[in-house]
C-alpha atoms as a PDB file:
ATOM      1  CA  MET A   1       9.477 -38.826 -11.647  1.00  0.00           C
ATOM      2  CA  THR A   2       7.690 -35.510 -12.264  1.00  0.00           C
ATOM      3  CA  TRP A   3       4.981 -36.331  -9.734  1.00  0.00           C
ATOM      4  CA  LEU A   4       7.619 -37.111  -7.123  1.00  0.00           C
ATOM      5  CA  MET A   5       9.406 -33.797  -7.774  1.00  0.00           C
ATOM      6  CA  LEU A   6       6.154 -31.822  -7.403  1.00  0.00           C
ATOM      7  CA  LYS A   7       5.362 -33.694  -4.201  1.00  0.00           C
ATOM      8  CA  LEU A   8       8.782 -32.802  -2.783  1.00  0.00           C
ATOM      9  CA  VAL A   9       8.523 -29.128  -3.791  1.00  0.00           C
ATOM     10  CA  GLY A  10       5.156 -28.725  -2.083  1.00  0.00           C
ATOM     11  CA  ASP A  11       2.375 -26.351  -2.945  1.00  0.00           C
ATOM     12  CA  VAL A  12       2.990 -24.730  -6.328  1.00  0.00           C
ATOM     13  CA  SER A  13       1.217 -21.460  -7.061  1.00  0.00           C
ATOM     14  CA  THR A  14       0.743 -20.100 -10.553  1.00  0.00           C
ATOM     15  CA  SER A  15      -0.532 -16.663  -9.552  1.00  0.00           C
ATOM     16  CA  ILE A  16       1.738 -13.680 -10.138  1.00  0.00           C
ATOM     17  CA  LEU A  17      -0.091 -11.664  -7.462  1.00  0.00           C
ATOM     18  CA  PRO A  18       0.730 -11.721  -3.757  1.00  0.00           C
ATOM     19  CA  GLY A  19      -1.694 -13.741  -1.651  1.00  0.00           C
ATOM     20  CA  SER A  20      -3.915 -10.896  -0.425  1.00  0.00           C
ATOM     21  CA  TRP A  21      -4.075  -8.973  -3.729  1.00  0.00           C
ATOM     22  CA  ASP A  22      -6.956  -9.396  -6.124  1.00  0.00           C
ATOM     23  CA  VAL A  23      -7.953  -7.377  -9.178  1.00  0.00           C
ATOM     24  CA  ASN A  24      -9.979  -4.910  -7.101  1.00  0.00           C
ATOM     25  CA  SER A  25      -6.997  -4.252  -4.792  1.00  0.00           C
ATOM     26  CA  ILE A  26      -4.701  -3.653  -7.742  1.00  0.00           C
ATOM     27  CA  LEU A  27      -7.210  -1.324  -9.396  1.00  0.00           C
ATOM     28  CA  LYS A  28      -7.572   0.625  -6.141  1.00  0.00           C
ATOM     29  CA  PHE A  29      -3.791   0.879  -5.794  1.00  0.00           C
ATOM     30  CA  VAL A  30      -3.334   2.140  -9.372  1.00  0.00           C
ATOM     31  CA  VAL A  31      -6.161   4.690  -9.087  1.00  0.00           C
ATOM     32  CA  ASN A  32      -4.812   5.969  -5.757  1.00  0.00           C
ATOM     33  CA  LEU A  33      -1.323   6.217  -7.212  1.00  0.00           C
ATOM     34  CA  LEU A  34      -2.633   8.176 -10.200  1.00  0.00           C
ATOM     35  CA  PHE A  35      -4.856  10.329  -7.998  1.00  0.00           C
ATOM     36  CA  TYR A  36      -2.071  11.432  -5.662  1.00  0.00           C
ATOM     37  CA  GLY A  37       0.461  11.624  -8.484  1.00  0.00           C
ATOM     38  CA  LEU A  38      -1.815  13.885 -10.492  1.00  0.00           C
ATOM     39  CA  GLY A  39      -2.348  16.103  -7.456  1.00  0.00           C
ATOM     40  CA  ALA A  40       1.395  16.450  -6.915  1.00  0.00           C
ATOM     41  CA  VAL A  41       2.019  17.224 -10.586  1.00  0.00           C
ATOM     42  CA  ALA A  42      -0.815  19.778 -10.606  1.00  0.00           C
ATOM     43  CA  VAL A  43       0.587  21.553  -7.539  1.00  0.00           C
ATOM     44  CA  ILE A  44       4.068  21.653  -9.083  1.00  0.00           C
ATOM     45  CA  GLY A  45       2.587  22.962 -12.340  1.00  0.00           C
ATOM     46  CA  VAL A  46       0.681  25.722 -10.544  1.00  0.00           C
ATOM     47  CA  ILE A  47       3.846  26.734  -8.655  1.00  0.00           C
ATOM     48  CA  ILE A  48       5.842  26.874 -11.902  1.00  0.00           C
ATOM     49  CA  ALA A  49       3.083  28.867 -13.639  1.00  0.00           C
ATOM     50  CA  GLY A  50       2.924  31.254 -10.661  1.00  0.00           C
ATOM     51  CA  ILE A  51       6.672  31.820 -10.742  1.00  0.00           C
ATOM     52  CA  LEU A  52       6.475  32.334 -14.489  1.00  0.00           C
ATOM     53  CA  TYR A  53       3.678  34.875 -14.023  1.00  0.00           C
ATOM     54  CA  LEU A  54       5.454  36.709 -11.199  1.00  0.00           C
ATOM     55  CA  THR A  55       8.692  37.040 -13.139  1.00  0.00           C
ATOM     56  CA  ALA A  56       6.989  38.144 -16.364  1.00  0.00           C
ATOM     57  CA  ARG A  57       7.185  41.883 -15.683  1.00  0.00           C
ATOM     58  CA  ASP A  58       6.404  43.491 -19.053  1.00  0.00           C
ATOM     59  CA  SER A  59       6.709  40.344 -21.175  1.00  0.00           C
ATOM     60  CA  GLU A  60       3.269  39.691 -22.622  1.00  0.00           C
ATOM     61  CA  GLN A  61       4.468  36.409 -24.095  1.00  0.00           C
ATOM     62  CA  GLN A  62       5.486  35.072 -20.667  1.00  0.00           C
ATOM     63  CA  VAL A  63       2.163  36.143 -19.109  1.00  0.00           C
ATOM     64  CA  THR A  64       0.282  34.350 -21.883  1.00  0.00           C
ATOM     65  CA  LYS A  65       2.424  31.250 -21.369  1.00  0.00           C
ATOM     66  CA  ALA A  66       1.676  31.235 -17.613  1.00  0.00           C
ATOM     67  CA  LYS A  67      -2.066  31.687 -18.166  1.00  0.00           C
ATOM     68  CA  THR A  68      -2.075  28.926 -20.778  1.00  0.00           C
ATOM     69  CA  ARG A  69      -0.298  26.577 -18.382  1.00  0.00           C
ATOM     70  CA  LEU A  70      -2.840  27.290 -15.613  1.00  0.00           C
ATOM     71  CA  PHE A  71      -5.705  26.722 -18.058  1.00  0.00           C
ATOM     72  CA  GLU A  72      -4.211  23.396 -19.195  1.00  0.00           C
ATOM     73  CA  ILE A  73      -3.801  22.263 -15.566  1.00  0.00           C
ATOM     74  CA  ALA A  74      -7.451  23.095 -14.872  1.00  0.00           C
ATOM     75  CA  ILE A  75      -8.543  21.119 -17.950  1.00  0.00           C
ATOM     76  CA  GLY A  76      -6.418  18.155 -16.842  1.00  0.00           C
ATOM     77  CA  LEU A  77      -7.926  18.162 -13.341  1.00  0.00           C
ATOM     78  CA  LEU A  78     -11.430  18.393 -14.798  1.00  0.00           C
ATOM     79  CA  ALA A  79     -10.723  15.483 -17.161  1.00  0.00           C
ATOM     80  CA  TRP A  80      -9.403  13.401 -14.251  1.00  0.00           C
ATOM     81  CA  ALA A  81     -12.534  14.158 -12.195  1.00  0.00           C
ATOM     82  CA  ILE A  82     -14.739  13.057 -15.086  1.00  0.00           C
ATOM     83  CA  LEU A  83     -12.740   9.860 -15.581  1.00  0.00           C
ATOM     84  CA  PHE A  84     -12.811   9.091 -11.849  1.00  0.00           C
ATOM     85  CA  THR A  85     -16.589   9.581 -11.792  1.00  0.00           C
ATOM     86  CA  LEU A  86     -16.958   7.368 -14.871  1.00  0.00           C
ATOM     87  CA  LEU A  87     -14.868   4.665 -13.205  1.00  0.00           C
ATOM     88  CA  GLN A  88     -17.077   4.735 -10.113  1.00  0.00           C
ATOM     89  CA  TRP A  89     -20.158   4.481 -12.326  1.00  0.00           C
ATOM     90  CA  LEU A  90     -18.759   1.540 -14.302  1.00  0.00           C
ATOM     91  CA  ILE A  91     -17.817  -0.444 -11.190  1.00  0.00           C
ATOM     92  CA  PRO A  92     -20.790  -0.217  -8.789  1.00  0.00           C
ATOM     93  CA  GLY A  93     -19.974  -0.634  -5.119  1.00  0.00           C
ATOM     94  CA  TRP A  94     -16.346   0.290  -5.627  1.00  0.00           C
ATOM     95  CA  SER A  95     -15.309   2.999  -3.177  1.00  0.00           C
ATOM     96  CA  GLY A  96     -12.242   4.205  -5.082  1.00  0.00           C
ATOM     97  CA  ILE A  97     -10.045   6.061  -2.667  1.00  0.00           C
END
């Protein structure tokens, strides 16, 4: 009975991935998504820090907060560049973006 049901259903696939996607394609998609997402977040962060700095006037606390935010964004971008380079070193022949 079970064999007959499988024969009627046809080709049964157990993969959760679409037909053309493999692990390399998924990894590329995730890295690209993170790469462009990080760029967008960094740009938004720099705009917010710039507005914070421009509206500081005589508030030393607000100027320090804006400078700290810019410094943290630079550290985050540097960390991402190091991780991206490490990923390319770990997977030889992988083009990344």
